[in-house]
Amino acid sequence: MGDVVYDIPEWIMELAARYGIEPYEIMQVLSGPRPRLPRKAVGAGGLTVLMIIGRTSSGARLRCLCEHSGSSTTKLSEACP
């Protein structure tokens, strides 16, 4: 299985910045060495997403919602504490 490529839209980065979340912190949760808790979630309109709950290197909790958008690309649809 190859590496996952994350597509993080600019508006997600702007929203995360309002919470004080830096781009590198999102990537620490999505692909860093710390344990993660992946869970299937269903959003508005029945959209199935993957919710990944984890901690940054500094220990801050972060929840990321991801949608599969291609063979090896995953689109980030939310990142918040």
PDB file of N, CA and C in Angstrom:
ATOM      1  N   MET A   1       0.840  -1.179   0.000  1.00  0.00           N
ATOM      2  CA  MET A   1       0.000   0.000   0.000  1.00  0.00           C
ATOM      3  C   MET A   1       0.884   1.240   0.000  1.00  0.00           C
ATOM      4  N   GLY A   2       0.583   2.184  -0.877  1.00  0.00           N
ATOM      5  CA  GLY A   2       1.415   3.379  -1.001  1.00  0.00           C
ATOM      6  C   GLY A   2       1.052   4.447   0.007  1.00  0.00           C
ATOM      7  N   ASP A   3       1.815   5.519  -0.045  1.00  0.00           N
ATOM      8  CA  ASP A   3       1.555   6.650   0.841  1.00  0.00           C
ATOM      9  C   ASP A   3       0.266   7.353   0.440  1.00  0.00           C
ATOM     10  N   VAL A   4      -0.426   7.891   1.425  1.00  0.00           N
ATOM     11  CA  VAL A   4      -1.649   8.642   1.170  1.00  0.00           C
ATOM     12  C   VAL A   4      -1.271  10.098   0.909  1.00  0.00           C
ATOM     13  N   VAL A   5      -1.878  10.676  -0.104  1.00  0.00           N
ATOM     14  CA  VAL A   5      -1.685  12.087  -0.431  1.00  0.00           C
ATOM     15  C   VAL A   5      -2.903  12.834   0.095  1.00  0.00           C
ATOM     16  N   TYR A   6      -2.675  13.857   0.904  1.00  0.00           N
ATOM     17  CA  TYR A   6      -3.772  14.637   1.464  1.00  0.00           C
ATOM     18  C   TYR A   6      -3.933  15.939   0.703  1.00  0.00           C
ATOM     19  N   ASP A   7      -5.157  16.195   0.256  1.00  0.00           N
ATOM     20  CA  ASP A   7      -5.520  17.447  -0.399  1.00  0.00           C
ATOM     21  C   ASP A   7      -6.178  18.316   0.670  1.00  0.00           C
ATOM     22  N   ILE A   8      -5.522  19.395   1.055  1.00  0.00           N
ATOM     23  CA  ILE A   8      -6.056  20.262   2.093  1.00  0.00           C
ATOM     24  C   ILE A   8      -6.441  21.589   1.451  1.00  0.00           C
ATOM     25  N   PRO A   9      -7.750  21.820   1.247  1.00  0.00           N
ATOM     26  CA  PRO A   9      -8.192  23.061   0.611  1.00  0.00           C
ATOM     27  C   PRO A   9      -7.795  24.293   1.428  1.00  0.00           C
ATOM     28  N   GLU A  10      -7.615  25.393   0.748  1.00  0.00           N
ATOM     29  CA  GLU A  10      -7.214  26.641   1.401  1.00  0.00           C
ATOM     30  C   GLU A  10      -8.216  27.054   2.470  1.00  0.00           C
ATOM     31  N   TRP A  11      -9.509  26.863   2.231  1.00  0.00           N
ATOM     32  CA  TRP A  11     -10.505  27.289   3.215  1.00  0.00           C
ATOM     33  C   TRP A  11     -10.400  26.478   4.502  1.00  0.00           C
ATOM     34  N   ILE A  12      -9.943  25.230   4.396  1.00  0.00           N
ATOM     35  CA  ILE A  12      -9.719  24.420   5.599  1.00  0.00           C
ATOM     36  C   ILE A  12      -8.560  25.016   6.398  1.00  0.00           C
ATOM     37  N   MET A  13      -7.516  25.428   5.706  1.00  0.00           N
ATOM     38  CA  MET A  13      -6.361  26.018   6.383  1.00  0.00           C
ATOM     39  C   MET A  13      -6.762  27.325   7.083  1.00  0.00           C
ATOM     40  N   GLU A  14      -7.618  28.113   6.430  1.00  0.00           N
ATOM     41  CA  GLU A  14      -8.084  29.360   7.032  1.00  0.00           C
ATOM     42  C   GLU A  14      -8.936  29.086   8.266  1.00  0.00           C
ATOM     43  N   LEU A  15      -9.811  28.089   8.186  1.00  0.00           N
ATOM     44  CA  LEU A  15     -10.652  27.719   9.321  1.00  0.00           C
ATOM     45  C   LEU A  15      -9.799  27.178  10.476  1.00  0.00           C
ATOM     46  N   ALA A  16      -8.845  26.329  10.163  1.00  0.00           N
ATOM     47  CA  ALA A  16      -7.961  25.776  11.188  1.00  0.00           C
ATOM     48  C   ALA A  16      -7.166  26.896  11.869  1.00  0.00           C
ATOM     49  N   ALA A  17      -6.725  27.882  11.099  1.00  0.00           N
ATOM     50  CA  ALA A  17      -5.963  29.000  11.664  1.00  0.00           C
ATOM     51  C   ALA A  17      -6.788  29.761  12.689  1.00  0.00           C
ATOM     52  N   ARG A  18      -8.098  29.838  12.493  1.00  0.00           N
ATOM     53  CA  ARG A  18      -8.967  30.511  13.469  1.00  0.00           C
ATOM     54  C   ARG A  18      -8.954  29.782  14.810  1.00  0.00           C
ATOM     55  N   TYR A  19      -8.729  28.479  14.772  1.00  0.00           N
ATOM     56  CA  TYR A  19      -8.623  27.678  15.997  1.00  0.00           C
ATOM     57  C   TYR A  19      -7.188  27.648  16.528  1.00  0.00           C
ATOM     58  N   GLY A  20      -6.264  28.299  15.816  1.00  0.00           N
ATOM     59  CA  GLY A  20      -4.865  28.299  16.232  1.00  0.00           C
ATOM     60  C   GLY A  20      -4.117  27.049  15.797  1.00  0.00           C
ATOM     61  N   ILE A  21      -4.640  26.352  14.786  1.00  0.00           N
ATOM     62  CA  ILE A  21      -4.032  25.118  14.293  1.00  0.00           C
ATOM     63  C   ILE A  21      -3.146  25.431  13.096  1.00  0.00           C
ATOM     64  N   GLU A  22      -1.900  25.003  13.158  1.00  0.00           N
ATOM     65  CA  GLU A  22      -0.945  25.216  12.071  1.00  0.00           C
ATOM     66  C   GLU A  22      -0.992  24.032  11.103  1.00  0.00           C
ATOM     67  N   PRO A  23      -0.649  24.255   9.820  1.00  0.00           N
ATOM     68  CA  PRO A  23      -0.664  23.167   8.834  1.00  0.00           C
ATOM     69  C   PRO A  23       0.175  21.961   9.244  1.00  0.00           C
ATOM     70  N   TYR A  24       1.347  22.195   9.823  1.00  0.00           N
ATOM     71  CA  TYR A  24       2.196  21.069  10.205  1.00  0.00           C
ATOM     72  C   TYR A  24       1.553  20.233  11.311  1.00  0.00           C
ATOM     73  N   GLU A  25       0.695  20.851  12.145  1.00  0.00           N
ATOM     74  CA  GLU A  25       0.016  20.098  13.196  1.00  0.00           C
ATOM     75  C   GLU A  25      -1.023  19.149  12.613  1.00  0.00           C
ATOM     76  N   ILE A  26      -1.695  19.581  11.559  1.00  0.00           N
ATOM     77  CA  ILE A  26      -2.649  18.700  10.878  1.00  0.00           C
ATOM     78  C   ILE A  26      -1.912  17.482  10.330  1.00  0.00           C
ATOM     79  N   MET A  27      -0.781  17.717   9.687  1.00  0.00           N
ATOM     80  CA  MET A  27      -0.020  16.601   9.121  1.00  0.00           C
ATOM     81  C   MET A  27       0.558  15.699  10.212  1.00  0.00           C
ATOM     82  N   GLN A  28       0.889  16.247  11.390  1.00  0.00           N
ATOM     83  CA  GLN A  28       1.368  15.411  12.490  1.00  0.00           C
ATOM     84  C   GLN A  28       0.295  14.410  12.905  1.00  0.00           C
ATOM     85  N   VAL A  29      -0.957  14.865  12.945  1.00  0.00           N
ATOM     86  CA  VAL A  29      -2.052  13.969  13.321  1.00  0.00           C
ATOM     87  C   VAL A  29      -2.329  12.957  12.213  1.00  0.00           C
ATOM     88  N   LEU A  30      -2.343  13.412  10.963  1.00  0.00           N
ATOM     89  CA  LEU A  30      -2.686  12.518   9.855  1.00  0.00           C
ATOM     90  C   LEU A  30      -1.609  11.481   9.551  1.00  0.00           C
ATOM     91  N   SER A  31      -0.346  11.849   9.680  1.00  0.00           N
ATOM     92  CA  SER A  31       0.696  10.909   9.241  1.00  0.00           C
ATOM     93  C   SER A  31       1.896  10.826  10.174  1.00  0.00           C
ATOM     94  N   GLY A  32       1.794  11.407  11.362  1.00  0.00           N
ATOM     95  CA  GLY A  32       2.918  11.382  12.301  1.00  0.00           C
ATOM     96  C   GLY A  32       3.039  10.055  13.036  1.00  0.00           C
ATOM     97  N   PRO A  33       4.039   9.939  13.892  1.00  0.00           N
ATOM     98  CA  PRO A  33       4.318   8.687  14.590  1.00  0.00           C
ATOM     99  C   PRO A  33       3.405   8.405  15.788  1.00  0.00           C
ATOM    100  N   ARG A  34       2.667   9.398  16.259  1.00  0.00           N
ATOM    101  CA  ARG A  34       1.808   9.191  17.436  1.00  0.00           C
ATOM    102  C   ARG A  34       0.591   8.345  17.078  1.00  0.00           C
ATOM    103  N   PRO A  35       0.049   7.616  18.049  1.00  0.00           N
ATOM    104  CA  PRO A  35      -1.148   6.802  17.798  1.00  0.00           C
ATOM    105  C   PRO A  35      -2.329   7.671  17.362  1.00  0.00           C
ATOM    106  N   ARG A  36      -3.144   7.115  16.489  1.00  0.00           N
ATOM    107  CA  ARG A  36      -4.346   7.794  16.000  1.00  0.00           C
ATOM    108  C   ARG A  36      -5.540   6.879  16.207  1.00  0.00           C
ATOM    109  N   LEU A  37      -6.715   7.471  16.300  1.00  0.00           N
ATOM    110  CA  LEU A  37      -7.945   6.718  16.451  1.00  0.00           C
ATOM    111  C   LEU A  37      -8.822   7.000  15.235  1.00  0.00           C
ATOM    112  N   PRO A  38      -8.795   6.119  14.231  1.00  0.00           N
ATOM    113  CA  PRO A  38      -9.645   6.328  13.058  1.00  0.00           C
ATOM    114  C   PRO A  38     -11.053   5.788  13.321  1.00  0.00           C
ATOM    115  N   ARG A  39     -12.055   6.531  12.905  1.00  0.00           N
ATOM    116  CA  ARG A  39     -13.442   6.127  13.075  1.00  0.00           C
ATOM    117  C   ARG A  39     -14.249   6.521  11.848  1.00  0.00           C
ATOM    118  N   LYS A  40     -15.177   5.658  11.452  1.00  0.00           N
ATOM    119  CA  LYS A  40     -16.100   5.978  10.373  1.00  0.00           C
ATOM    120  C   LYS A  40     -17.152   6.921  10.938  1.00  0.00           C
ATOM    121  N   ALA A  41     -17.481   7.962  10.197  1.00  0.00           N
ATOM    122  CA  ALA A  41     -18.498   8.926  10.617  1.00  0.00           C
ATOM    123  C   ALA A  41     -19.390   9.244   9.421  1.00  0.00           C
ATOM    124  N   VAL A  42     -20.615   9.630   9.710  1.00  0.00           N
ATOM    125  CA  VAL A  42     -21.557  10.007   8.662  1.00  0.00           C
ATOM    126  C   VAL A  42     -21.936  11.465   8.881  1.00  0.00           C
ATOM    127  N   GLY A  43     -21.696  12.261   7.866  1.00  0.00           N
ATOM    128  CA  GLY A  43     -21.968  13.686   7.955  1.00  0.00           C
ATOM    129  C   GLY A  43     -23.333  14.042   7.412  1.00  0.00           C
ATOM    130  N   ALA A  44     -23.561  15.335   7.254  1.00  0.00           N
ATOM    131  CA  ALA A  44     -24.816  15.840   6.717  1.00  0.00           C
ATOM    132  C   ALA A  44     -25.066  15.269   5.326  1.00  0.00           C
ATOM    133  N   GLY A  45     -26.288  14.901   5.068  1.00  0.00           N
ATOM    134  CA  GLY A  45     -26.627  14.354   3.761  1.00  0.00           C
ATOM    135  C   GLY A  45     -26.180  12.921   3.564  1.00  0.00           C
ATOM    136  N   GLY A  46     -25.719  12.273   4.636  1.00  0.00           N
ATOM    137  CA  GLY A  46     -25.320  10.871   4.546  1.00  0.00           C
ATOM    138  C   GLY A  46     -23.922  10.635   4.011  1.00  0.00           C
ATOM    139  N   LEU A  47     -23.113  11.679   3.896  1.00  0.00           N
ATOM    140  CA  LEU A  47     -21.747  11.533   3.405  1.00  0.00           C
ATOM    141  C   LEU A  47     -20.902  10.762   4.422  1.00  0.00           C
ATOM    142  N   THR A  48     -20.311   9.670   3.996  1.00  0.00           N
ATOM    143  CA  THR A  48     -19.446   8.887   4.867  1.00  0.00           C
ATOM    144  C   THR A  48     -18.029   9.426   4.803  1.00  0.00           C
ATOM    145  N   VAL A  49     -17.453   9.687   5.976  1.00  0.00           N
ATOM    146  CA  VAL A  49     -16.102  10.233   6.066  1.00  0.00           C
ATOM    147  C   VAL A  49     -15.299   9.421   7.073  1.00  0.00           C
ATOM    148  N   LEU A  50     -14.014   9.594   7.039  1.00  0.00           N
ATOM    149  CA  LEU A  50     -13.122   8.988   8.012  1.00  0.00           C
ATOM    150  C   LEU A  50     -12.728  10.078   8.999  1.00  0.00           C
ATOM    151  N   MET A  51     -13.046   9.872  10.279  1.00  0.00           N
ATOM    152  CA  MET A  51     -12.650  10.810  11.318  1.00  0.00           C
ATOM    153  C   MET A  51     -11.391  10.259  11.974  1.00  0.00           C
ATOM    154  N   ILE A  52     -10.351  11.075  11.991  1.00  0.00           N
ATOM    155  CA  ILE A  52      -9.086  10.681  12.609  1.00  0.00           C
ATOM    156  C   ILE A  52      -8.863  11.599  13.808  1.00  0.00           C
ATOM    157  N   ILE A  53      -8.789  10.984  14.974  1.00  0.00           N
ATOM    158  CA  ILE A  53      -8.560  11.732  16.206  1.00  0.00           C
ATOM    159  C   ILE A  53      -7.146  11.421  16.669  1.00  0.00           C
ATOM    160  N   GLY A  54      -6.396  12.446  16.972  1.00  0.00           N
ATOM    161  CA  GLY A  54      -5.027  12.231  17.410  1.00  0.00           C
ATOM    162  C   GLY A  54      -4.490  13.432  18.153  1.00  0.00           C
ATOM    163  N   ARG A  55      -3.209  13.379  18.438  1.00  0.00           N
ATOM    164  CA  ARG A  55      -2.536  14.479  19.133  1.00  0.00           C
ATOM    165  C   ARG A  55      -1.328  14.923  18.320  1.00  0.00           C
ATOM    166  N   THR A  56      -1.071  16.214  18.393  1.00  0.00           N
ATOM    167  CA  THR A  56       0.117  16.761  17.744  1.00  0.00           C
ATOM    168  C   THR A  56       1.343  16.387  18.573  1.00  0.00           C
ATOM    169  N   SER A  57       2.519  16.698  18.082  1.00  0.00           N
ATOM    170  CA  SER A  57       3.749  16.414  18.828  1.00  0.00           C
ATOM    171  C   SER A  57       3.782  17.122  20.177  1.00  0.00           C
ATOM    172  N   SER A  58       3.100  18.269  20.265  1.00  0.00           N
ATOM    173  CA  SER A  58       3.063  19.005  21.529  1.00  0.00           C
ATOM    174  C   SER A  58       1.966  18.505  22.466  1.00  0.00           C
ATOM    175  N   GLY A  59       1.160  17.547  21.995  1.00  0.00           N
ATOM    176  CA  GLY A  59       0.120  16.953  22.830  1.00  0.00           C
ATOM    177  C   GLY A  59      -1.267  17.530  22.644  1.00  0.00           C
ATOM    178  N   ALA A  60      -1.434  18.504  21.749  1.00  0.00           N
ATOM    179  CA  ALA A  60      -2.755  19.090  21.513  1.00  0.00           C
ATOM    180  C   ALA A  60      -3.652  18.089  20.781  1.00  0.00           C
ATOM    181  N   ARG A  61      -4.904  17.968  21.228  1.00  0.00           N
ATOM    182  CA  ARG A  61      -5.855  17.081  20.561  1.00  0.00           C
ATOM    183  C   ARG A  61      -6.365  17.731  19.281  1.00  0.00           C
ATOM    184  N   LEU A  62      -6.581  16.903  18.270  1.00  0.00           N
ATOM    185  CA  LEU A  62      -7.044  17.410  16.983  1.00  0.00           C
ATOM    186  C   LEU A  62      -7.899  16.348  16.317  1.00  0.00           C
ATOM    187  N   ARG A  63      -9.004  16.784  15.718  1.00  0.00           N
ATOM    188  CA  ARG A  63      -9.906  15.886  14.991  1.00  0.00           C
ATOM    189  C   ARG A  63      -9.911  16.312  13.525  1.00  0.00           C
ATOM    190  N   CYS A  64      -9.680  15.359  12.640  1.00  0.00           N
ATOM    191  CA  CYS A  64      -9.668  15.624  11.205  1.00  0.00           C
ATOM    192  C   CYS A  64     -10.705  14.744  10.521  1.00  0.00           C
ATOM    193  N   LEU A  65     -11.502  15.320   9.649  1.00  0.00           N
ATOM    194  CA  LEU A  65     -12.450  14.553   8.855  1.00  0.00           C
ATOM    195  C   LEU A  65     -11.934  14.494   7.428  1.00  0.00           C
ATOM    196  N   CYS A  66     -11.907  13.297   6.869  1.00  0.00           N
ATOM    197  CA  CYS A  66     -11.334  13.092   5.537  1.00  0.00           C
ATOM    198  C   CYS A  66     -12.324  12.387   4.636  1.00  0.00           C
ATOM    199  N   GLU A  67     -12.336  12.792   3.370  1.00  0.00           N
ATOM    200  CA  GLU A  67     -13.140  12.149   2.332  1.00  0.00           C
ATOM    201  C   GLU A  67     -12.192  11.527   1.321  1.00  0.00           C
ATOM    202  N   HIS A  68     -12.485  10.311   0.895  1.00  0.00           N
ATOM    203  CA  HIS A  68     -11.671   9.689  -0.145  1.00  0.00           C
ATOM    204  C   HIS A  68     -12.051  10.331  -1.469  1.00  0.00           C
ATOM    205  N   SER A  69     -11.066  10.885  -2.180  1.00  0.00           N
ATOM    206  CA  SER A  69     -11.383  11.605  -3.424  1.00  0.00           C
ATOM    207  C   SER A  69     -10.605  11.118  -4.633  1.00  0.00           C
ATOM    208  N   GLY A  70      -9.991   9.977  -4.550  1.00  0.00           N
ATOM    209  CA  GLY A  70      -9.252   9.439  -5.683  1.00  0.00           C
ATOM    210  C   GLY A  70      -8.544   8.168  -5.277  1.00  0.00           C
ATOM    211  N   SER A  71      -7.812   7.585  -6.188  1.00  0.00           N
ATOM    212  CA  SER A  71      -7.162   6.311  -5.901  1.00  0.00           C
ATOM    213  C   SER A  71      -6.194   6.394  -4.727  1.00  0.00           C
ATOM    214  N   SER A  72      -5.471   7.499  -4.598  1.00  0.00           N
ATOM    215  CA  SER A  72      -4.537   7.625  -3.482  1.00  0.00           C
ATOM    216  C   SER A  72      -4.591   9.014  -2.845  1.00  0.00           C
ATOM    217  N   THR A  73      -5.664   9.743  -3.124  1.00  0.00           N
ATOM    218  CA  THR A  73      -5.797  11.090  -2.588  1.00  0.00           C
ATOM    219  C   THR A  73      -6.955  11.149  -1.594  1.00  0.00           C
ATOM    220  N   THR A  74      -6.710  11.772  -0.467  1.00  0.00           N
ATOM    221  CA  THR A  74      -7.730  11.953   0.547  1.00  0.00           C
ATOM    222  C   THR A  74      -7.902  13.442   0.782  1.00  0.00           C
ATOM    223  N   LYS A  75      -9.139  13.912   0.686  1.00  0.00           N
ATOM    224  CA  LYS A  75      -9.432  15.341   0.846  1.00  0.00           C
ATOM    225  C   LYS A  75      -9.810  15.613   2.300  1.00  0.00           C
ATOM    226  N   LEU A  76      -9.114  16.530   2.914  1.00  0.00           N
ATOM    227  CA  LEU A  76      -9.426  16.938   4.278  1.00  0.00           C
ATOM    228  C   LEU A  76     -10.633  17.852   4.227  1.00  0.00           C
ATOM    229  N   SER A  77     -11.673  17.540   5.013  1.00  0.00           N
ATOM    230  CA  SER A  77     -12.874  18.367   5.003  1.00  0.00           C
ATOM    231  C   SER A  77     -13.115  19.106   6.310  1.00  0.00           C
ATOM    232  N   GLU A  78     -12.305  18.824   7.347  1.00  0.00           N
ATOM    233  CA  GLU A  78     -12.406  19.561   8.601  1.00  0.00           C
ATOM    234  C   GLU A  78     -11.181  19.260   9.459  1.00  0.00           C
ATOM    235  N   ALA A  79     -10.755  20.241  10.217  1.00  0.00           N
ATOM    236  CA  ALA A  79      -9.701  20.060  11.217  1.00  0.00           C
ATOM    237  C   ALA A  79     -10.008  21.009  12.366  1.00  0.00           C
ATOM    238  N   CYS A  80     -10.282  20.464  13.521  1.00  0.00           N
ATOM    239  CA  CYS A  80     -10.590  21.298  14.676  1.00  0.00           C
ATOM    240  C   CYS A  80     -10.213  20.600  15.969  1.00  0.00           C
ATOM    241  N   PRO A  81     -10.060  21.385  17.035  1.00  0.00           N
ATOM    242  CA  PRO A  81      -9.697  20.788  18.320  1.00  0.00           C
ATOM    243  C   PRO A  81     -10.839  19.974  18.893  1.00  0.00           C
TER     244      PRO A  81
END
